[in-house]
Amino acid sequence: MAWSGPQLTFMGLDHVNLNVGPLPRGIQTYSDVPVVVSFDGQATNAVSVRFQ
């Protein structure tokens, strides 16, 4: 994780910046990949990310 903290426009919403290194071959297919962030035992809802 590169950075995380409050998102200043919407109270209670946090912002996360991630650095992604070399991707596994299966992810490099220009398809949607579900991403879940966990912190202190709590998981976010899954979001779809497309790596190109």
PDB file of N, CA and C in Angstrom:
ATOM      1  N   MET A   1       0.845  -1.151   0.000  1.00  0.00           N
ATOM      2  CA  MET A   1       0.000   0.000   0.000  1.00  0.00           C
ATOM      3  C   MET A   1       0.899   1.224   0.000  1.00  0.00           C
ATOM      4  N   ALA A   2       0.639   2.143  -0.897  1.00  0.00           N
ATOM      5  CA  ALA A   2       1.422   3.362  -0.997  1.00  0.00           C
ATOM      6  C   ALA A   2       0.929   4.420  -0.013  1.00  0.00           C
ATOM      7  N   TRP A   3      -0.380   4.505   0.180  1.00  0.00           N
ATOM      8  CA  TRP A   3      -0.953   5.510   1.075  1.00  0.00           C
ATOM      9  C   TRP A   3      -2.396   5.153   1.381  1.00  0.00           C
ATOM     10  N   SER A   4      -2.844   5.506   2.570  1.00  0.00           N
ATOM     11  CA  SER A   4      -4.263   5.410   2.894  1.00  0.00           C
ATOM     12  C   SER A   4      -4.600   6.501   3.895  1.00  0.00           C
ATOM     13  N   GLY A   5      -5.819   6.990   3.813  1.00  0.00           N
ATOM     14  CA  GLY A   5      -6.255   8.037   4.720  1.00  0.00           C
ATOM     15  C   GLY A   5      -7.631   8.529   4.340  1.00  0.00           C
ATOM     16  N   PRO A   6      -8.085   9.565   5.026  1.00  0.00           N
ATOM     17  CA  PRO A   6      -9.433  10.063   4.766  1.00  0.00           C
ATOM     18  C   PRO A   6      -9.557  10.701   3.386  1.00  0.00           C
ATOM     19  N   GLN A   7     -10.685  10.478   2.770  1.00  0.00           N
ATOM     20  CA  GLN A   7     -11.029  11.147   1.518  1.00  0.00           C
ATOM     21  C   GLN A   7     -11.754  12.415   1.949  1.00  0.00           C
ATOM     22  N   LEU A   8     -11.257  13.571   1.567  1.00  0.00           N
ATOM     23  CA  LEU A   8     -11.677  14.830   2.177  1.00  0.00           C
ATOM     24  C   LEU A   8     -13.029  15.360   1.709  1.00  0.00           C
ATOM     25  N   THR A   9     -13.588  14.826   0.642  1.00  0.00           N
ATOM     26  CA  THR A   9     -14.871  15.323   0.142  1.00  0.00           C
ATOM     27  C   THR A   9     -16.049  14.684   0.858  1.00  0.00           C
ATOM     28  N   PHE A  10     -15.965  13.398   1.155  1.00  0.00           N
ATOM     29  CA  PHE A  10     -17.060  12.656   1.774  1.00  0.00           C
ATOM     30  C   PHE A  10     -16.639  12.166   3.150  1.00  0.00           C
ATOM     31  N   MET A  11     -17.255  12.691   4.198  1.00  0.00           N
ATOM     32  CA  MET A  11     -16.930  12.318   5.568  1.00  0.00           C
ATOM     33  C   MET A  11     -17.142  10.819   5.783  1.00  0.00           C
ATOM     34  N   GLY A  12     -16.166  10.138   6.391  1.00  0.00           N
ATOM     35  CA  GLY A  12     -16.268   8.711   6.672  1.00  0.00           C
ATOM     36  C   GLY A  12     -15.765   7.813   5.558  1.00  0.00           C
ATOM     37  N   LEU A  13     -15.372   8.382   4.416  1.00  0.00           N
ATOM     38  CA  LEU A  13     -14.858   7.599   3.296  1.00  0.00           C
ATOM     39  C   LEU A  13     -13.338   7.687   3.279  1.00  0.00           C
ATOM     40  N   ASP A  14     -12.669   6.546   3.201  1.00  0.00           N
ATOM     41  CA  ASP A  14     -11.213   6.517   3.138  1.00  0.00           C
ATOM     42  C   ASP A  14     -10.743   6.276   1.714  1.00  0.00           C
ATOM     43  N   HIS A  15      -9.511   6.659   1.453  1.00  0.00           N
ATOM     44  CA  HIS A  15      -8.894   6.576   0.134  1.00  0.00           C
ATOM     45  C   HIS A  15      -7.657   5.689   0.269  1.00  0.00           C
ATOM     46  N   VAL A  16      -7.439   4.799  -0.682  1.00  0.00           N
ATOM     47  CA  VAL A  16      -6.291   3.897  -0.657  1.00  0.00           C
ATOM     48  C   VAL A  16      -5.580   3.975  -1.998  1.00  0.00           C
ATOM     49  N   ASN A  17      -4.272   4.184  -1.968  1.00  0.00           N
ATOM     50  CA  ASN A  17      -3.441   4.117  -3.166  1.00  0.00           C
ATOM     51  C   ASN A  17      -2.605   2.853  -3.083  1.00  0.00           C
ATOM     52  N   LEU A  18      -2.615   2.052  -4.127  1.00  0.00           N
ATOM     53  CA  LEU A  18      -1.854   0.806  -4.160  1.00  0.00           C
ATOM     54  C   LEU A  18      -0.836   0.842  -5.284  1.00  0.00           C
ATOM     55  N   ASN A  19       0.321   0.265  -5.031  1.00  0.00           N
ATOM     56  CA  ASN A  19       1.304   0.031  -6.084  1.00  0.00           C
ATOM     57  C   ASN A  19       1.194  -1.432  -6.473  1.00  0.00           C
ATOM     58  N   VAL A  20       1.051  -1.690  -7.758  1.00  0.00           N
ATOM     59  CA  VAL A  20       0.934  -3.063  -8.245  1.00  0.00           C
ATOM     60  C   VAL A  20       2.184  -3.384  -9.039  1.00  0.00           C
ATOM     61  N   GLY A  21       2.894  -4.417  -8.592  1.00  0.00           N
ATOM     62  CA  GLY A  21       4.117  -4.830  -9.274  1.00  0.00           C
ATOM     63  C   GLY A  21       3.792  -5.689 -10.479  1.00  0.00           C
ATOM     64  N   PRO A  22       4.727  -6.513 -10.901  1.00  0.00           N
ATOM     65  CA  PRO A  22       4.452  -7.410 -12.032  1.00  0.00           C
ATOM     66  C   PRO A  22       3.214  -8.267 -11.743  1.00  0.00           C
ATOM     67  N   LEU A  23       2.339  -8.336 -12.694  1.00  0.00           N
ATOM     68  CA  LEU A  23       1.089  -9.069 -12.517  1.00  0.00           C
ATOM     69  C   LEU A  23       1.238 -10.524 -12.955  1.00  0.00           C
ATOM     70  N   PRO A  24       0.565 -11.428 -12.266  1.00  0.00           N
ATOM     71  CA  PRO A  24       0.542 -12.813 -12.738  1.00  0.00           C
ATOM     72  C   PRO A  24      -0.042 -12.887 -14.149  1.00  0.00           C
ATOM     73  N   ARG A  25       0.386 -13.833 -14.900  1.00  0.00           N
ATOM     74  CA  ARG A  25      -0.023 -13.960 -16.298  1.00  0.00           C
ATOM     75  C   ARG A  25      -1.545 -13.999 -16.468  1.00  0.00           C
ATOM     76  N   GLY A  26      -2.270 -14.645 -15.578  1.00  0.00           N
ATOM     77  CA  GLY A  26      -3.721 -14.750 -15.691  1.00  0.00           C
ATOM     78  C   GLY A  26      -4.445 -13.427 -15.541  1.00  0.00           C
ATOM     79  N   ILE A  27      -3.840 -12.465 -14.853  1.00  0.00           N
ATOM     80  CA  ILE A  27      -4.476 -11.161 -14.661  1.00  0.00           C
ATOM     81  C   ILE A  27      -4.236 -10.259 -15.865  1.00  0.00           C
ATOM     82  N   GLN A  28      -3.209 -10.522 -16.627  1.00  0.00           N
ATOM     83  CA  GLN A  28      -2.858  -9.667 -17.751  1.00  0.00           C
ATOM     84  C   GLN A  28      -3.708  -9.965 -18.986  1.00  0.00           C
ATOM     85  N   THR A  29      -4.979 -10.252 -18.781  1.00  0.00           N
ATOM     86  CA  THR A  29      -5.842 -10.622 -19.899  1.00  0.00           C
ATOM     87  C   THR A  29      -6.856  -9.535 -20.238  1.00  0.00           C
ATOM     88  N   TYR A  30      -6.684  -8.341 -19.685  1.00  0.00           N
ATOM     89  CA  TYR A  30      -7.610  -7.236 -19.922  1.00  0.00           C
ATOM     90  C   TYR A  30      -9.024  -7.581 -19.479  1.00  0.00           C
ATOM     91  N   SER A  31      -9.124  -8.395 -18.439  1.00  0.00           N
ATOM     92  CA  SER A  31     -10.437  -8.737 -17.914  1.00  0.00           C
ATOM     93  C   SER A  31     -10.595  -8.135 -16.519  1.00  0.00           C
ATOM     94  N   ASP A  32     -11.822  -8.069 -16.033  1.00  0.00           N
ATOM     95  CA  ASP A  32     -12.090  -7.519 -14.710  1.00  0.00           C
ATOM     96  C   ASP A  32     -11.640  -8.493 -13.634  1.00  0.00           C
ATOM     97  N   VAL A  33     -11.010  -7.957 -12.594  1.00  0.00           N
ATOM     98  CA  VAL A  33     -10.521  -8.751 -11.479  1.00  0.00           C
ATOM     99  C   VAL A  33     -11.152  -8.188 -10.208  1.00  0.00           C
ATOM    100  N   PRO A  34     -11.776  -9.039  -9.374  1.00  0.00           N
ATOM    101  CA  PRO A  34     -12.342  -8.532  -8.127  1.00  0.00           C
ATOM    102  C   PRO A  34     -11.234  -8.214  -7.120  1.00  0.00           C
ATOM    103  N   VAL A  35     -11.356  -7.064  -6.445  1.00  0.00           N
ATOM    104  CA  VAL A  35     -10.377  -6.644  -5.445  1.00  0.00           C
ATOM    105  C   VAL A  35     -11.111  -6.362  -4.139  1.00  0.00           C
ATOM    106  N   VAL A  36     -10.584  -6.917  -3.044  1.00  0.00           N
ATOM    107  CA  VAL A  36     -11.125  -6.689  -1.706  1.00  0.00           C
ATOM    108  C   VAL A  36      -9.976  -6.227  -0.820  1.00  0.00           C
ATOM    109  N   VAL A  37     -10.194  -5.172  -0.062  1.00  0.00           N
ATOM    110  CA  VAL A  37      -9.194  -4.677   0.885  1.00  0.00           C
ATOM    111  C   VAL A  37      -9.641  -5.072   2.283  1.00  0.00           C
ATOM    112  N   SER A  38      -8.721  -5.637   3.065  1.00  0.00           N
ATOM    113  CA  SER A  38      -9.013  -6.014   4.450  1.00  0.00           C
ATOM    114  C   SER A  38      -8.129  -5.212   5.388  1.00  0.00           C
ATOM    115  N   PHE A  39      -8.703  -4.796   6.507  1.00  0.00           N
ATOM    116  CA  PHE A  39      -7.943  -4.088   7.529  1.00  0.00           C
ATOM    117  C   PHE A  39      -8.521  -4.425   8.885  1.00  0.00           C
ATOM    118  N   ASP A  40      -7.682  -4.880   9.775  1.00  0.00           N
ATOM    119  CA  ASP A  40      -8.093  -5.188  11.145  1.00  0.00           C
ATOM    120  C   ASP A  40      -9.272  -6.150  11.186  1.00  0.00           C
ATOM    121  N   GLY A  41      -9.253  -7.140  10.293  1.00  0.00           N
ATOM    122  CA  GLY A  41     -10.293  -8.157  10.278  1.00  0.00           C
ATOM    123  C   GLY A  41     -11.576  -7.769   9.565  1.00  0.00           C
ATOM    124  N   GLN A  42     -11.657  -6.567   9.039  1.00  0.00           N
ATOM    125  CA  GLN A  42     -12.846  -6.107   8.322  1.00  0.00           C
ATOM    126  C   GLN A  42     -12.532  -6.009   6.833  1.00  0.00           C
ATOM    127  N   ALA A  43     -13.405  -6.532   5.994  1.00  0.00           N
ATOM    128  CA  ALA A  43     -13.194  -6.519   4.548  1.00  0.00           C
ATOM    129  C   ALA A  43     -14.162  -5.544   3.885  1.00  0.00           C
ATOM    130  N   THR A  44     -13.680  -4.919   2.813  1.00  0.00           N
ATOM    131  CA  THR A  44     -14.536  -4.033   2.027  1.00  0.00           C
ATOM    132  C   THR A  44     -15.406  -4.857   1.090  1.00  0.00           C
ATOM    133  N   ASN A  45     -16.353  -4.228   0.452  1.00  0.00           N
ATOM    134  CA  ASN A  45     -17.070  -4.847  -0.655  1.00  0.00           C
ATOM    135  C   ASN A  45     -16.082  -5.015  -1.807  1.00  0.00           C
ATOM    136  N   ALA A  46     -16.298  -6.009  -2.622  1.00  0.00           N
ATOM    137  CA  ALA A  46     -15.431  -6.227  -3.789  1.00  0.00           C
ATOM    138  C   ALA A  46     -15.713  -5.164  -4.846  1.00  0.00           C
ATOM    139  N   VAL A  47     -14.652  -4.698  -5.464  1.00  0.00           N
ATOM    140  CA  VAL A  47     -14.770  -3.807  -6.614  1.00  0.00           C
ATOM    141  C   VAL A  47     -14.072  -4.486  -7.786  1.00  0.00           C
ATOM    142  N   SER A  48     -14.470  -4.165  -8.988  1.00  0.00           N
ATOM    143  CA  SER A  48     -13.840  -4.736 -10.183  1.00  0.00           C
ATOM    144  C   SER A  48     -12.794  -3.767 -10.704  1.00  0.00           C
ATOM    145  N   VAL A  49     -11.600  -4.304 -10.963  1.00  0.00           N
ATOM    146  CA  VAL A  49     -10.498  -3.524 -11.506  1.00  0.00           C
ATOM    147  C   VAL A  49     -10.040  -4.187 -12.792  1.00  0.00           C
ATOM    148  N   ARG A  50      -9.759  -3.405 -13.796  1.00  0.00           N
ATOM    149  CA  ARG A  50      -9.258  -3.935 -15.065  1.00  0.00           C
ATOM    150  C   ARG A  50      -7.827  -3.485 -15.265  1.00  0.00           C
ATOM    151  N   PHE A  51      -6.907  -4.461 -15.328  1.00  0.00           N
ATOM    152  CA  PHE A  51      -5.499  -4.180 -15.556  1.00  0.00           C
ATOM    153  C   PHE A  51      -5.215  -4.254 -17.050  1.00  0.00           C
ATOM    154  N   GLN A  52      -4.461  -3.297 -17.556  1.00  0.00           N
ATOM    155  CA  GLN A  52      -4.130  -3.295 -18.973  1.00  0.00           C
ATOM    156  C   GLN A  52      -2.633  -3.223 -19.150  1.00  0.00           C
TER     157      GLN A  52
END
